């Protein structure tokens, strides 16, 4: 039991040290700066090797520029699948690099997985064994029994609750998302191994507060800051637990990694990460250097 619980403890160690930024490595190949794609060392590679090397090099530069200020990195599977085998290789190599070089940083593979039990074994093997991620995002629609294989790994499992996208209210009304929050937070239902978290969008700060009220001590993954227009101050204030602990991470993807399309892309990403970190600390009234 202790070994399984350590996977989410790795995240709470970072948030307890007042690191709450999650950088989304949504490395859309089309948006990667041209200067990286034209690097001389890549010209002799085959096409798939070149794509993989470019994506990995981009991720590596972002990581090395930002890791001191973050709690986690989140890699959205869709951007890597878009490039086929080359993208999958870049995804795997990025996860393994983080595991090897920055083991203190939490790694989330954002795949929004979820199927029947046997199919989930395939997802789990790729995410937790091949990529060695610390956590996965899953949907709740098929219920606890279908998701049980993920939960039993002891790895982090972030369940979609109230997502940041426009139109989420179609199936995520108050009766639904609060039921999800209660079930996922309950040690008698989903959270037996204390490895569950919830995904709640910054674009819905009032709903975030209601989730925190029914799930006061669960970890929250909060997307929607930046390009999606989430309100940071309301988000941070509503995400803090009643005991004052801050079991939450705020994800920013495009607003950090694609803040510049020039040769200074890593430096600008660092600046944007530090800026978000300092804003969160200011809202929490914690001094920063």
Protein backbone atom coordinates (compact mmCIF):
# COMPACT_ATOMS: atom_id res chain seq x y z
CA UNK A 1 0.00 0.00 0.00
CA UNK A 2 2.76 2.48 0.89
CA UNK A 3 4.54 1.95 -2.44
CA UNK A 4 1.32 2.63 -4.35
CA UNK A 5 0.53 5.77 -2.38
CA UNK A 6 3.96 7.24 -3.13
CA UNK A 7 2.99 8.00 -6.72
CA UNK A 8 0.62 10.81 -5.73
CA UNK A 9 2.81 11.75 -2.77
CA UNK A 10 5.41 12.79 -5.35
CA UNK A 11 3.00 15.47 -6.56
CA UNK A 12 1.93 16.64 -3.11
CA UNK A 13 5.60 17.00 -2.15
CA UNK A 14 5.89 19.61 -4.91
CA UNK A 15 2.64 21.41 -4.13
CA UNK A 16 3.51 21.47 -0.42
CA UNK A 17 6.71 23.24 -1.43
CA UNK A 18 4.53 25.82 -3.21
CA UNK A 19 5.04 24.71 -6.78
CA UNK A 20 1.70 24.65 -8.59
CA UNK A 21 2.47 25.16 -12.27
CA UNK A 22 1.89 22.27 -14.64
CA UNK A 23 3.43 22.86 -18.05
CA UNK A 24 1.45 21.21 -20.80
CA UNK A 25 3.83 19.73 -23.36
CA UNK A 26 1.19 19.88 -26.10
CA UNK A 27 3.91 19.83 -28.71
CA UNK A 28 1.92 20.35 -31.88
CA UNK A 29 4.52 19.72 -34.59
CA UNK A 30 3.06 22.43 -36.83
CA UNK A 31 3.71 25.06 -34.14
CA UNK A 32 7.25 24.08 -33.19
CA UNK A 33 9.60 26.96 -34.12
CA UNK A 34 11.04 26.73 -37.61
CA UNK A 35 14.55 27.37 -36.32
CA UNK A 36 14.49 24.00 -34.61
CA UNK A 37 13.18 22.21 -37.68
CA UNK A 38 16.01 23.60 -39.79
CA UNK A 39 18.83 22.57 -37.45
CA UNK A 40 21.78 21.27 -39.45
CA UNK A 41 22.19 18.09 -37.41
CA UNK A 42 18.72 16.92 -38.43
CA UNK A 43 19.21 17.12 -42.19
CA UNK A 44 20.77 13.66 -42.51
CA UNK A 45 17.97 11.87 -40.62
CA UNK A 46 15.12 9.94 -42.20
CA UNK A 47 11.74 11.72 -42.07
CA UNK A 48 10.32 9.82 -39.07
CA UNK A 49 13.59 10.12 -37.19
CA UNK A 50 13.68 13.84 -37.97
CA UNK A 51 10.14 14.46 -36.68
CA UNK A 52 10.80 12.50 -33.51
CA UNK A 53 14.10 14.30 -32.90
CA UNK A 54 12.52 17.72 -33.43
CA UNK A 55 9.65 17.03 -31.02
CA UNK A 56 11.95 15.57 -28.40
CA UNK A 57 14.47 18.41 -28.75
CA UNK A 58 11.69 20.96 -28.38
CA UNK A 59 10.36 19.24 -25.24
CA UNK A 60 13.86 18.92 -23.82
CA UNK A 61 14.56 22.63 -24.24
CA UNK A 62 11.24 23.57 -22.59
CA UNK A 63 11.85 21.17 -19.70
CA UNK A 64 15.39 22.37 -18.99
CA UNK A 65 14.20 25.99 -19.05
CA UNK A 66 11.25 25.46 -16.70
CA UNK A 67 11.70 22.45 -14.39
CA UNK A 68 12.83 24.49 -11.38
CA UNK A 69 9.46 26.25 -11.22
CA UNK A 70 6.96 23.46 -11.90
CA UNK A 71 5.17 20.70 -10.06
CA UNK A 72 4.34 18.64 -13.13
CA UNK A 73 4.42 18.21 -16.87
CA UNK A 74 1.35 17.04 -18.77
CA UNK A 75 1.71 15.48 -22.21
CA UNK A 76 -1.46 15.37 -24.29
CA UNK A 77 -1.46 12.13 -26.27
CA UNK A 78 -3.31 13.58 -29.27
CA UNK A 79 -0.45 15.86 -30.35
CA UNK A 80 1.92 12.89 -30.45
CA UNK A 81 -0.47 10.50 -32.17
CA UNK A 82 -0.82 13.16 -34.86
CA UNK A 83 2.74 12.36 -35.96
CA UNK A 84 2.35 8.58 -35.89
CA UNK A 85 5.29 6.43 -34.84
CA UNK A 86 7.60 9.46 -34.71
CA UNK A 87 5.29 11.24 -32.28
CA UNK A 88 4.90 8.18 -30.06
CA UNK A 89 8.69 7.83 -29.89
CA UNK A 90 9.02 11.49 -28.90
CA UNK A 91 6.35 11.05 -26.23
CA UNK A 92 8.03 7.98 -24.77
CA UNK A 93 11.50 9.53 -24.90
CA UNK A 94 10.26 12.68 -23.17
CA UNK A 95 8.62 10.72 -20.35
CA UNK A 96 11.70 8.54 -19.86
CA UNK A 97 13.97 11.60 -19.87
CA UNK A 98 11.90 13.22 -17.13
CA UNK A 99 11.92 10.00 -15.12
CA UNK A 100 15.71 9.75 -15.42
CA UNK A 101 16.82 13.38 -15.13
CA UNK A 102 14.06 15.00 -13.05
CA UNK A 103 12.49 12.22 -10.96
CA UNK A 104 11.04 14.72 -8.50
CA UNK A 105 8.74 16.20 -11.17
CA UNK A 106 5.33 14.59 -11.66
CA UNK A 107 4.51 13.36 -15.18
CA UNK A 108 0.91 13.12 -16.40
CA UNK A 109 -0.01 11.42 -19.66
CA UNK A 110 -3.22 13.15 -20.70
CA UNK A 111 -4.91 10.41 -22.70
CA UNK A 112 -8.43 10.61 -21.26
CA UNK A 113 -8.46 6.82 -21.26
CA UNK A 114 -11.27 4.54 -20.22
CA UNK A 115 -12.78 1.37 -21.59
CA UNK A 116 -13.71 -2.10 -20.33
CA UNK A 117 -11.26 -3.75 -17.96
CA UNK A 118 -9.30 -5.87 -20.44
CA UNK A 119 -8.85 -3.00 -22.89
CA UNK A 120 -7.63 -0.78 -20.08
CA UNK A 121 -4.72 -3.18 -19.57
CA UNK A 122 -3.38 -2.10 -22.97
CA UNK A 123 -3.66 1.58 -22.08
CA UNK A 124 -1.98 0.95 -18.75
CA UNK A 125 0.92 -1.00 -20.24
CA UNK A 126 1.72 1.83 -22.64
CA UNK A 127 1.24 4.67 -20.15
CA UNK A 128 2.79 3.20 -17.01
CA UNK A 129 5.31 0.69 -18.36
CA UNK A 130 6.42 1.89 -21.79
CA UNK A 131 6.30 5.60 -20.89
CA UNK A 132 6.65 5.27 -17.10
CA UNK A 133 4.26 8.16 -16.47
CA UNK A 134 3.23 8.91 -12.90
CA UNK A 135 -0.40 9.57 -13.72
CA UNK A 136 -3.09 9.37 -16.38
CA UNK A 137 -6.31 11.22 -17.11
CA UNK A 138 -9.44 9.07 -17.45
CA UNK A 139 -13.13 9.70 -18.05
CA UNK A 140 -15.80 8.46 -15.67
CA UNK A 141 -18.62 7.56 -18.04
CA UNK A 142 -18.18 3.78 -17.78
CA UNK A 143 -18.07 3.85 -13.99
CA UNK A 144 -15.89 2.56 -11.20
CA UNK A 145 -15.71 -1.10 -12.20
CA UNK A 146 -14.35 -0.27 -15.64
CA UNK A 147 -11.78 2.13 -14.18
CA UNK A 148 -10.73 -0.22 -11.38
CA UNK A 149 -7.60 -1.55 -13.18
CA UNK A 150 -6.20 2.00 -13.32
CA UNK A 151 -6.97 2.61 -9.66
CA UNK A 152 -5.38 -0.63 -8.52
CA UNK A 153 -2.01 0.33 -10.02
CA UNK A 154 -1.62 2.94 -7.31
CA UNK A 155 -0.49 5.40 -9.98
CA UNK A 156 -2.11 8.81 -10.16
CA UNK A 157 -5.56 8.79 -11.77
CA UNK A 158 -7.09 12.17 -12.64
CA UNK A 159 -10.79 11.75 -13.43
CA UNK A 160 -12.58 14.21 -15.69
CA UNK A 161 -15.06 16.09 -13.52
CA UNK A 162 -15.87 19.58 -14.86
CA UNK A 163 -13.81 20.17 -17.96
CA UNK A 164 -12.70 23.57 -19.25
CA UNK A 165 -14.09 23.34 -22.78
CA UNK A 166 -17.05 25.33 -24.06
CA UNK A 167 -20.12 23.11 -24.15
CA UNK A 168 -19.09 20.87 -21.26
CA UNK A 169 -22.37 21.69 -19.51
CA UNK A 170 -24.23 19.45 -21.98
CA UNK A 171 -23.38 16.38 -19.89
CA UNK A 172 -21.60 17.97 -16.92
CA UNK A 173 -24.38 19.75 -15.08
CA UNK A 174 -24.22 20.23 -11.32
CA UNK A 175 -25.90 16.92 -10.57
CA UNK A 176 -23.30 15.07 -12.63
CA UNK A 177 -19.99 16.75 -11.82
CA UNK A 178 -20.67 16.93 -8.08
CA UNK A 179 -21.59 13.24 -8.04
CA UNK A 180 -18.31 12.49 -9.84
CA UNK A 181 -16.40 14.57 -7.27
CA UNK A 182 -18.03 12.82 -4.32
CA UNK A 183 -17.48 9.32 -5.72
CA UNK A 184 -13.89 9.88 -6.79
CA UNK A 185 -12.96 11.48 -3.44
CA UNK A 186 -14.55 8.68 -1.41
CA UNK A 187 -12.17 6.04 -0.01
CA UNK A 188 -15.12 3.65 0.03
CA UNK A 189 -15.77 4.04 -3.70
CA UNK A 190 -12.95 5.23 -6.02
CA UNK A 191 -10.15 6.46 -3.79
CA UNK A 192 -9.20 3.34 -1.82
CA UNK A 193 -5.52 3.80 -2.65
CA UNK A 194 -5.60 7.59 -2.21
CA UNK A 195 -4.27 8.01 -5.74
CA UNK A 196 -7.25 9.82 -7.30
CA UNK A 197 -7.47 13.39 -8.48
CA UNK A 198 -10.04 15.44 -10.37
CA UNK A 199 -9.82 17.51 -13.54
CA UNK A 200 -11.73 20.78 -13.06
CA UNK A 201 -11.42 23.65 -15.52
CA UNK A 202 -10.35 27.16 -14.56
CA UNK A 203 -13.09 28.43 -16.86
CA UNK A 204 -15.61 27.37 -14.18
CA UNK A 205 -14.31 28.87 -10.88
CA UNK A 206 -17.71 28.75 -9.15
CA UNK A 207 -18.06 25.07 -9.97
CA UNK A 208 -14.48 24.54 -8.81
CA UNK A 209 -15.42 25.93 -5.39
CA UNK A 210 -18.36 23.51 -5.18
CA UNK A 211 -16.07 20.61 -6.09
CA UNK A 212 -13.63 21.65 -3.38
CA UNK A 213 -16.46 21.73 -0.85
CA UNK A 214 -17.47 18.10 -1.53
CA UNK A 215 -13.90 16.89 -2.17
CA UNK A 216 -11.85 19.02 0.25
CA UNK A 217 -8.57 17.12 0.21
CA UNK A 218 -8.28 15.64 -3.26
CA UNK A 219 -5.67 16.73 -5.81
CA UNK A 220 -6.99 18.96 -8.59
CA UNK A 221 -5.60 19.26 -12.10
CA UNK A 222 -6.83 22.61 -13.40
CA UNK A 223 -6.59 23.33 -17.15
CA UNK A 224 -8.01 26.35 -18.92
CA UNK A 225 -5.70 29.14 -17.74
CA UNK A 226 -4.23 31.28 -20.51
CA UNK A 227 -5.58 30.74 -24.01
CA UNK A 228 -8.89 29.37 -22.71
CA UNK A 229 -9.42 32.43 -20.53
CA UNK A 230 -9.74 30.97 -17.04
CA UNK A 231 -9.64 33.41 -14.11
CA UNK A 232 -6.45 32.69 -12.16
CA UNK A 233 -7.24 34.53 -8.91
CA UNK A 234 -10.65 32.90 -8.43
CA UNK A 235 -9.19 29.55 -9.45
CA UNK A 236 -6.37 29.60 -6.90
CA UNK A 237 -8.54 30.87 -4.05
CA UNK A 238 -11.22 28.27 -4.73
CA UNK A 239 -8.73 25.41 -5.14
CA UNK A 240 -7.09 25.70 -1.72
CA UNK A 241 -8.24 23.03 0.73
CA UNK A 242 -10.06 23.93 3.98
CA UNK A 243 -6.95 23.10 6.03
CA UNK A 244 -4.94 25.58 3.99
CA UNK A 245 -3.08 22.93 2.02
CA UNK A 246 -2.84 23.46 -1.70
CA UNK A 247 -3.56 20.17 -3.39
CA UNK A 248 -3.79 21.60 -6.90
CA UNK A 249 -1.81 22.23 -10.07
CA UNK A 250 -2.63 24.84 -12.70
CA UNK A 251 -1.91 23.74 -16.26
CA UNK A 252 -0.78 26.10 -19.00
CA UNK A 253 0.21 24.74 -22.40
CA UNK A 254 0.16 27.04 -25.44
CA UNK A 255 0.60 30.14 -23.29
CA UNK A 256 4.00 28.83 -22.21
CA UNK A 257 5.50 26.52 -24.81
CA UNK A 258 4.45 28.55 -27.87
CA UNK A 259 4.81 32.01 -26.34
CA UNK A 260 7.59 32.63 -28.88
CA UNK A 261 8.16 31.10 -32.29
CA UNK A 262 11.73 32.37 -32.52
CA UNK A 263 15.08 31.09 -31.34
CA UNK A 264 14.30 32.43 -27.85
CA UNK A 265 11.32 30.03 -27.45
CA UNK A 266 12.82 28.24 -24.40
CA UNK A 267 13.82 31.48 -22.67
CA UNK A 268 10.36 32.98 -23.21
CA UNK A 269 8.76 29.74 -21.97
CA UNK A 270 10.84 30.07 -18.82
CA UNK A 271 9.72 33.68 -18.35
CA UNK A 272 6.06 32.73 -18.78
CA UNK A 273 6.43 29.85 -16.32
CA UNK A 274 8.06 32.07 -13.70
CA UNK A 275 5.38 34.70 -14.28
CA UNK A 276 2.58 32.19 -13.67
CA UNK A 277 4.39 30.77 -10.62
CA UNK A 278 4.76 34.25 -9.10
CA UNK A 279 1.13 35.14 -9.80
CA UNK A 280 -0.03 32.02 -7.98
CA UNK A 281 2.26 32.79 -5.04
CA UNK A 282 0.98 36.37 -4.90
CA UNK A 283 -2.61 35.17 -4.76
CA UNK A 284 -1.61 32.76 -1.98
CA UNK A 285 0.31 35.65 -0.35
CA UNK A 286 3.59 33.73 -0.34
CA UNK A 287 6.75 35.81 -0.97
CA UNK A 288 8.89 34.94 -4.00
CA UNK A 289 12.38 36.01 -5.01
